[in-house]
Each structure stands twice: as structure tokens, then as C-alpha cells.
Protein backbone atom coordinates (compact mmCIF):
# COMPACT_ATOMS: atom_id res chain seq x y z
CA MET A 1 122.02 -100.94 53.80
CA SER A 2 120.44 -99.62 49.85
CA LYS A 3 121.32 -96.83 48.60
CA ALA A 4 118.42 -94.11 48.77
CA GLU A 5 117.62 -91.89 45.52
CA PHE A 6 114.45 -89.02 44.87
CA ILE A 7 113.39 -87.81 42.04
CA TYR A 8 114.57 -84.01 40.50
CA LEU A 9 111.59 -82.18 38.07
CA THR A 10 112.31 -78.72 36.93
CA GLN A 11 109.30 -76.17 35.73
CA GLU A 12 109.56 -77.90 31.70
CA ASP A 13 109.75 -81.99 33.07
CA VAL A 14 106.31 -80.24 35.67
CA ILE A 15 104.85 -78.91 32.32
CA ALA A 16 105.44 -82.63 30.88
CA ALA A 17 104.01 -84.44 33.65
CA GLY A 18 100.54 -82.54 33.22
CA GLY A 19 101.62 -79.76 34.99
CA LEU A 20 98.89 -76.78 33.32
CA ASN A 21 96.08 -79.82 33.38
CA MET A 22 93.37 -78.01 35.38
CA GLU A 23 91.22 -80.81 35.24
CA LYS A 24 93.30 -82.83 37.16
CA CYS A 25 94.51 -80.44 39.89
CA MET A 26 90.80 -80.09 40.63
CA GLU A 27 90.13 -83.65 41.34
CA ALA A 28 93.53 -83.48 43.40
CA VAL A 29 92.31 -80.37 45.00
CA GLU A 30 88.98 -81.73 45.61
CA GLU A 31 90.35 -84.53 47.69
CA ALA A 32 92.48 -82.50 49.46
CA LEU A 33 89.39 -81.02 50.51
CA ALA A 34 87.83 -83.53 51.47
CA CYS A 35 90.59 -85.09 53.67
CA HIS A 36 91.15 -81.98 55.36
CA ALA A 37 87.17 -82.36 55.84
CA ARG A 38 87.85 -85.89 57.52
CA GLY A 39 90.56 -84.92 59.15
CA ASP A 40 92.91 -86.78 56.98
CA MET A 41 95.69 -85.17 56.69
CA VAL A 42 97.87 -82.91 59.23
CA LEU A 43 98.56 -79.78 58.38
CA PRO A 44 101.08 -76.66 60.64
CA SER A 45 100.02 -73.77 59.68
CA LYS A 46 102.73 -71.69 57.56
CA THR A 47 105.81 -70.55 58.39
CA VAL A 48 105.99 -66.82 57.06
CA VAL A 49 109.26 -65.31 56.87
CA ARG A 50 108.89 -61.68 55.63
CA TRP A 51 111.03 -58.43 56.08
CA GLY A 52 109.15 -56.21 58.47
CA ASP A 53 105.62 -56.27 59.00
CA PRO A 54 102.62 -57.50 56.82
CA GLU A 55 102.43 -54.21 54.63
CA THR A 56 105.62 -54.27 53.86
CA GLU A 57 104.78 -57.39 51.79
CA ALA A 58 104.28 -55.30 48.76
CA THR A 59 107.76 -53.90 48.15
CA LYS A 60 109.69 -56.23 49.89
CA GLY A 61 108.60 -60.02 49.51
CA ARG A 62 107.90 -62.67 51.62
CA ILE A 63 108.49 -66.49 51.95
CA ASN A 64 106.19 -68.88 52.79
CA ALA A 65 107.44 -72.75 54.44
CA MET A 66 103.65 -74.68 53.98
CA PRO A 67 104.34 -78.60 55.19
CA SER A 68 102.20 -80.91 55.93
CA TYR A 69 100.62 -84.68 55.28
CA LEU A 70 97.75 -85.69 53.72
CA GLY A 71 96.46 -89.36 53.48
CA GLY A 72 93.72 -90.09 51.53
CA LYS A 73 94.07 -91.95 47.96
CA VAL A 74 97.55 -89.17 48.53
CA ASN A 75 99.20 -90.54 51.23
CA LYS A 76 102.56 -88.67 51.00
CA VAL A 77 103.75 -85.67 53.23
CA GLY A 78 105.38 -82.03 51.33
CA ILE A 79 106.41 -79.44 52.30
CA LYS A 80 106.55 -76.16 49.93
CA TRP A 81 109.09 -73.44 50.39
CA ILE A 82 107.36 -70.40 47.95
CA GLY A 83 109.00 -66.57 47.97
CA SER A 84 107.03 -64.12 46.76
CA SER A 85 108.70 -60.67 44.91
CA PRO A 86 106.74 -58.16 44.19
CA LEU A 87 108.89 -56.10 41.91
CA ASN A 88 110.49 -59.11 40.45
CA PRO A 89 109.18 -58.41 37.19
CA LYS A 90 109.93 -55.59 37.03
CA ARG A 91 113.17 -55.12 38.78
CA HIS A 92 114.66 -58.83 37.60
CA ASN A 93 112.71 -59.80 34.18
CA LEU A 94 111.61 -62.71 36.81
CA PRO A 95 108.34 -64.32 38.08
CA ARG A 96 106.87 -62.39 41.38
CA ALA A 97 106.46 -66.22 42.67
CA SER A 98 109.33 -69.09 42.78
CA GLY A 99 109.38 -72.26 44.35
CA ILE A 100 110.14 -75.71 44.91
CA LEU A 101 108.28 -78.50 46.46
CA ILE A 102 109.85 -81.37 48.07
CA LEU A 103 107.62 -85.34 48.81
CA ASN A 104 108.70 -87.38 51.40
CA ASP A 105 107.57 -91.14 51.79
CA PRO A 106 105.47 -91.01 55.00
CA GLU A 107 106.56 -94.72 56.34
CA THR A 108 110.45 -94.25 55.78
CA LYS A 109 109.96 -90.39 55.78
CA LEU A 110 112.84 -90.04 52.93
CA PRO A 111 112.61 -87.39 49.77
CA LEU A 112 110.66 -89.00 46.63
CA ALA A 113 111.23 -86.27 44.84
CA ILE A 114 112.27 -82.19 44.66
CA MET A 115 110.51 -80.46 41.73
CA ASP A 116 109.92 -76.82 41.07
CA SER A 117 106.40 -75.94 42.65
CA THR A 118 105.60 -72.36 40.44
CA ILE A 119 103.33 -73.94 38.32
CA ILE A 120 101.77 -76.39 40.88
CA SER A 121 101.58 -73.09 43.28
CA ALA A 122 99.44 -71.00 40.75
CA MET A 123 97.25 -73.94 39.32
CA ARG A 124 96.05 -75.73 42.77
CA THR A 125 95.44 -72.19 43.68
CA GLY A 126 93.73 -71.55 40.79
CA ALA A 127 91.94 -75.22 40.82
CA THR A 128 90.94 -73.99 45.05
CA GLY A 129 88.91 -71.49 43.59
CA GLY A 130 87.60 -73.29 41.00
CA VAL A 131 86.17 -75.92 43.58
CA GLY A 132 84.15 -73.08 45.24
CA MET A 133 82.70 -72.06 41.86
CA LYS A 134 81.35 -75.63 40.91
CA TYR A 135 79.76 -76.16 44.30
CA LEU A 136 79.05 -72.76 45.81
CA ALA A 137 77.66 -70.26 42.05
CA ARG A 138 74.42 -71.52 40.45
CA LYS A 139 74.55 -73.77 37.89
CA GLU A 140 73.54 -71.60 34.92
CA SER A 141 76.00 -69.14 35.31
CA ARG A 142 77.36 -68.09 32.52
CA ILE A 143 79.59 -64.84 32.48
CA MET A 144 82.78 -64.68 34.83
CA GLY A 145 83.36 -61.46 35.94
CA MET A 146 87.46 -61.30 37.85
CA ILE A 147 88.98 -57.99 38.76
CA GLY A 148 92.86 -58.19 39.09
CA ALA A 149 94.82 -59.34 35.67
CA GLY A 150 97.67 -61.35 37.01
CA VAL A 151 99.39 -65.12 37.09
CA GLN A 152 96.49 -66.09 38.98
CA ALA A 153 93.44 -64.56 37.01
CA ARG A 154 94.81 -67.10 34.42
CA THR A 155 94.02 -69.98 36.66
CA GLN A 156 91.22 -68.78 38.40
CA ALA A 157 89.72 -68.98 34.62
CA MET A 158 91.29 -72.11 33.36
CA ALA A 159 89.32 -73.93 36.74
CA ALA A 160 86.01 -71.98 35.63
CA LYS A 161 86.52 -73.26 31.71
CA ILE A 162 85.92 -76.21 34.42
CA ALA A 163 83.50 -75.71 36.57
CA PHE A 164 81.33 -74.25 33.57
CA PRO A 165 82.09 -75.64 30.52
CA HIS A 166 79.58 -73.34 27.91
CA LEU A 167 81.44 -70.24 30.09
CA GLU A 168 79.95 -67.64 27.61
CA LYS A 169 81.89 -64.48 28.86
CA ILE A 170 84.61 -63.35 31.22
CA LEU A 171 85.06 -59.70 32.23
CA ILE A 172 88.38 -58.41 33.89
CA PHE A 173 89.16 -55.48 35.41
CA ASP A 174 93.51 -54.04 36.34
CA ILE A 175 94.10 -50.97 37.51
CA LEU A 176 96.20 -51.15 34.41
CA PRO A 177 94.17 -51.73 30.68
CA ASP A 178 96.99 -52.43 28.98
CA ARG A 179 97.10 -55.71 31.14
CA SER A 180 93.62 -56.71 31.09
CA ASN A 181 93.85 -55.82 27.07
CA SER A 182 96.95 -57.89 26.99
CA TRP A 183 95.01 -60.38 29.17
CA CYS A 184 92.28 -60.86 26.80
CA GLN A 185 94.19 -61.60 24.03
CA GLU A 186 96.07 -64.31 25.56
CA MET A 187 92.72 -66.25 27.51
CA SER A 188 90.27 -65.44 24.49
CA LEU A 189 91.91 -68.31 22.81
CA LYS A 190 93.45 -70.43 24.88
CA LEU A 191 89.97 -70.47 26.94
CA ASN A 192 87.68 -70.76 23.16
CA THR A 193 85.73 -68.15 25.63
CA PRO A 194 85.33 -64.15 25.11
CA CYS A 195 87.14 -61.81 27.28
CA SER A 196 86.82 -58.69 27.19
CA PRO A 197 88.56 -55.24 29.75
CA ALA A 198 85.29 -54.60 31.86
CA ARG A 199 85.37 -50.72 32.25
CA SER A 200 85.45 -50.99 36.06
CA ALA A 201 85.77 -53.18 39.08
CA GLU A 202 82.14 -52.22 40.16
CA GLU A 203 81.29 -53.85 35.99
CA ALA A 204 83.11 -56.71 35.94
CA VAL A 205 81.19 -57.59 39.16
CA ARG A 206 78.00 -56.53 38.55
CA GLU A 207 77.63 -57.85 35.46
CA SER A 208 78.58 -61.48 36.74
CA ASP A 209 77.21 -64.53 37.50
CA PHE A 210 79.97 -65.00 40.21
CA PHE A 211 83.45 -63.32 40.18
CA VAL A 212 86.95 -63.59 41.67
CA THR A 213 89.39 -61.27 43.29
CA VAL A 214 93.15 -61.68 42.38
CA THR A 215 95.18 -58.38 42.96
CA THR A 216 97.54 -57.13 45.56
CA ALA A 217 95.03 -54.57 47.44
CA HIS A 218 95.37 -53.16 50.62
CA ALA A 219 92.61 -51.77 50.56
CA PRO A 220 88.90 -52.42 49.28
CA ILE A 221 87.71 -52.56 45.96
CA VAL A 222 84.38 -54.42 46.44
CA LYS A 223 81.74 -52.63 48.25
CA ALA A 224 78.67 -53.99 49.14
CA ASP A 225 75.52 -52.27 47.13
CA TRP A 226 77.29 -54.85 44.32
CA ILE A 227 76.31 -57.47 44.65
CA LYS A 228 72.93 -58.83 43.28
CA SER A 229 70.99 -61.97 44.79
CA GLY A 230 72.49 -64.88 43.33
CA HIS A 231 76.11 -64.14 43.08
CA THR A 232 78.67 -65.57 44.20
CA PHE A 233 82.20 -64.38 45.52
CA VAL A 234 85.83 -65.62 45.39
CA HIS A 235 87.95 -64.29 47.41
CA MET A 236 91.56 -65.50 46.33
CA ALA A 237 93.84 -62.58 48.62
CA GLY A 238 93.89 -60.18 51.16
CA TYR A 239 91.72 -56.77 51.80
CA GLU A 240 90.05 -56.79 48.46
CA ASP A 241 86.20 -55.60 49.60
CA GLU A 242 84.73 -53.79 52.25
CA VAL A 243 83.39 -55.62 55.84
CA ALA A 244 80.06 -54.98 55.06
CA VAL A 245 80.07 -57.87 51.54
CA VAL A 246 81.25 -60.20 54.44
CA LYS A 247 78.19 -59.01 56.48
CA LYS A 248 76.01 -59.06 53.24
CA ALA A 249 76.67 -62.82 53.15
CA ASP A 250 73.89 -65.37 52.99
CA LYS A 251 76.92 -67.93 53.49
CA ILE A 252 80.19 -67.94 54.26
CA VAL A 253 82.67 -70.60 53.41
CA LEU A 254 85.91 -70.90 53.60
CA ASP A 255 88.78 -73.22 53.14
CA SER A 256 89.99 -73.56 56.38
CA TRP A 257 88.99 -70.84 59.55
CA THR A 258 91.95 -71.49 61.45
CA GLU A 259 94.72 -70.85 58.07
CA VAL A 260 92.12 -67.88 57.71
CA HIS A 261 92.62 -66.95 61.60
CA HIS A 262 96.20 -67.68 61.54
CA ARG A 263 96.91 -65.15 58.24
CA GLY A 264 95.07 -63.05 60.07
CA LEU A 265 94.53 -60.19 57.12
CA GLN A 266 91.45 -61.30 54.61
CA THR A 267 88.77 -59.62 54.77
CA VAL A 268 86.81 -62.11 56.60
CA TYR A 269 88.91 -62.25 59.34
CA LEU A 270 89.12 -58.24 59.45
CA ALA A 271 84.83 -58.26 59.63
CA TYR A 272 85.25 -60.96 62.58
CA GLU A 273 87.97 -58.87 64.61
CA GLN A 274 85.72 -56.38 64.35
CA GLY A 275 82.78 -58.18 65.60
CA LEU A 276 80.85 -57.68 62.87
CA ILE A 277 80.61 -61.80 62.57
CA SER A 278 81.28 -64.26 65.07
CA GLU A 279 82.64 -67.96 64.67
CA LYS A 280 78.95 -69.05 63.99
CA ASP A 281 78.57 -67.04 61.00
CA ILE A 282 80.91 -69.11 59.16
CA TYR A 283 79.11 -71.40 57.02
CA ALA A 284 81.11 -74.61 56.79
CA GLU A 285 84.75 -74.85 55.05
CA ILE A 286 84.40 -75.82 51.49
CA GLY A 287 85.32 -79.76 52.38
CA GLU A 288 82.09 -80.62 54.67
CA ILE A 289 80.58 -79.31 51.32
CA ILE A 290 82.72 -82.05 49.23
CA ILE A 291 81.82 -85.03 51.50
CA GLY A 292 78.08 -83.93 51.90
CA LYS A 293 77.97 -82.87 55.60
CA LYS A 294 77.00 -79.61 54.74
CA LYS A 295 74.77 -78.35 51.99
CA GLY A 296 76.32 -75.71 48.71
CA ARG A 297 74.30 -73.71 46.86
CA GLU A 298 70.26 -74.58 47.99
CA ASN A 299 69.02 -71.87 46.00
CA ASN A 300 69.36 -69.02 43.16
CA LYS A 301 69.42 -65.63 45.72
CA GLU A 302 71.48 -66.54 48.12
CA PHE A 303 74.88 -64.50 48.35
CA ILE A 304 77.79 -67.05 48.66
CA TYR A 305 81.03 -65.61 49.70
CA TYR A 306 84.00 -68.18 49.24
CA ASN A 307 87.19 -67.15 50.99
CA THR A 308 90.07 -68.86 50.70
CA VAL A 309 93.72 -68.96 52.51
CA GLY A 310 95.32 -71.18 51.01
CA MET A 311 97.01 -75.13 52.83
CA GLY A 312 100.33 -77.15 51.30
CA ILE A 313 97.96 -80.34 51.59
CA GLU A 314 96.67 -78.93 48.44
CA ASP A 315 100.35 -78.55 46.69
CA VAL A 316 100.91 -82.06 48.13
CA ALA A 317 97.94 -83.50 46.59
CA PHE A 318 99.27 -81.71 42.79
CA GLY A 319 102.44 -82.48 43.65
CA SER A 320 101.69 -86.09 44.01
CA PHE A 321 100.04 -86.22 40.73
CA ILE A 322 102.71 -84.74 38.09
CA LEU A 323 105.16 -87.22 40.56
CA GLU A 324 103.05 -90.42 39.49
CA GLU A 325 102.71 -88.70 35.79
CA ALA A 326 106.72 -88.31 36.28
CA GLN A 327 107.25 -91.62 36.89
CA LYS A 328 104.94 -93.69 34.19
CA LYS A 329 106.76 -91.49 31.30
CA GLY A 330 110.18 -91.74 32.69
CA ILE A 331 110.51 -87.97 33.36
CA GLY A 332 112.43 -86.07 35.12
CA ILE A 333 116.20 -86.73 37.17
CA SER A 334 116.81 -89.11 39.69
CA LEU A 335 119.22 -88.18 41.61
CA PRO A 336 121.19 -90.21 44.95
CA LEU A 337 120.99 -88.43 48.83
CA TRP A 338 123.67 -91.13 49.56
CA LYS A 339 125.02 -94.67 48.18
CA ASN A 340 125.19 -96.02 51.92
CA PRO A 341 124.36 -94.01 54.94
CA ILE A 342 127.64 -93.17 57.33
CA TRP A 343 125.60 -93.71 60.56
CA VAL A 344 122.64 -95.54 61.25
């Protein structure tokens, strides 16, 4: 029997292989979402390890296991194992999130690679928001609003610049003003786009063409009367807006209703649970719009509510791109699984 080997990629390797290339990440994620709409994937719901009820995640954190198979151009199996510990930055000077991604051959089921997924996860989450911006925001959009100035705000802004290369301004609000200020200094240079701290969450929403929420909030921030005609709301986290915001939408678009329902924490699910909306009110999943099964934005007056929960196929998609680039460039370490299997 032949030996079995896999490639190990550190975070530095992932970056060297293109881990910060948002354009390629959005292409990979768009392919994953299209495969989801076609049914060319296998997607078990994520398993969450937590130390208590969902509210404890704010302090004790969680670890998610996200297995999936993605067909199409990718044809890989994988699993992301990612931890989130909110107190890490203050207590241990470590990132909030850390994870690994394992990719397997769908034929032999043997591992092909084990890699850091911290960057991959952050990038693909930004890309998922960016794909929504591309298909759902008004084409002439020039001002982006943002609530929350953490890591995810960085990748959402990176994706916005791919979706809207002529973006003129980013307004960002965080409950900690110093975070907004430092974020603006950093991202203005990186994106070559003026970034300004907003005086309030309301200003970030009202003054924008489209806006994104990336917070750890467990109580609503965004209010229904802040929404204006033509707005696009990219909702990336949990309970960040009044249920009335969902009810106000002309179109509700999700990445996956099954996974939003499974997670059970986001505002759109709470509106459903309270009987304010039904499944019939869900206009589309974003993959259906990508493949042309449903239309995206049809006029400049629609308020479109886009909610994502995240799926393992997105990690497999971008991780597969990273693996291919690493192999082309000779990046990473080849490690043996065995020289000869003891049992066959």
C-alpha cells in the first residue's frame, strides 16, 4: 500500500497562499452559494459546544464543528473546528477566534490538508456579506455604514470595496469610540477610502446606502424608523435589530433558512418564532439569486434585508483555493499520516 500524506499550513502559510485576497475569496464563496442552490453539496448543521445556554457565549464562548461536502469546481470534503472566546483579547492577548480546517479527498476520504482557518473563516464571512452587497445593494451605492469595529468589520469593508470599487466613504460606529477611531485610521489606508467614526449607530445607518452589523449585541440596536427607501441591510451576527426591521423589509434574503432556523438566535428567526413572519415571507436564499432562479434587487426603492449565518461549504470553498495556491507555490509542510497502514 502507498503511504498517505497531507499538507500542513500555518496561518502565515495561508496568508502567503492568498488568504487575504478578498476578490478570490468572494469568487469561491459565490461558487459555494451557487452549489448550495443547486443542491450540489452535503451540509449537516453545525454542532455547537457551549458551556451553558446561548447567552453564556458572550463570556464563556463556544466551539463550532462545521462539516460539509462541496461539489462543483471544488469537489472537496472538509470540516472547520473553530473556537470563539470573547475574553481572549483582554485576558490572554489572543484572538477571539481560532480554528483549523481539514480538507479530505471525496473519493478516498483521506485528509489532503490541515490548515489554520482563523483567516479563512474571517475572510469567507466578509465575502458572504460582500456577495450580498453585490447582488442586493443599489448599483450606485457610494456610502457604507457599519456597526461594530472588530475583525469582521475589516473583512466586510474589504468585500464592500470589491463589490463597489468606487465606494466613497465608510461610516462606522462602535460603543467604544477608540475602536472606531483606530479602525478608521487603519482601514482608510488599507482600502484607500475615507473612513469616519459615526457619532451614533443611527447616523451610520441613516447616512448609508447599505449598512452592515457585526457586533456581539444581545439586544436590538437598529430601529425600524432608521431604515430608508432603497436601503440594504447586511445582518451578520445575532439579535442586532428590532423585529420590526425584518417586518419592514420588501425582500428577506438568507444564505440558508435551514441553518438560520437551526441556529435560532438571529432577529429574522425571532420574528418567525413570534409569528410576525412566516416561511412564505422569506423571498430567497442568496444562491437562488446567484444562479438566476430568483431576481435580486428589482428597483431602487426596495428595502432588502440580507441575513447570513455562515456555512461550512464556504470554508471548504476558500480553503480549497488556498490549498491549490499553496501546492503551486510550494508552501506548507508535507506530513505523513502513515508509511504503510497497519490494517487494510
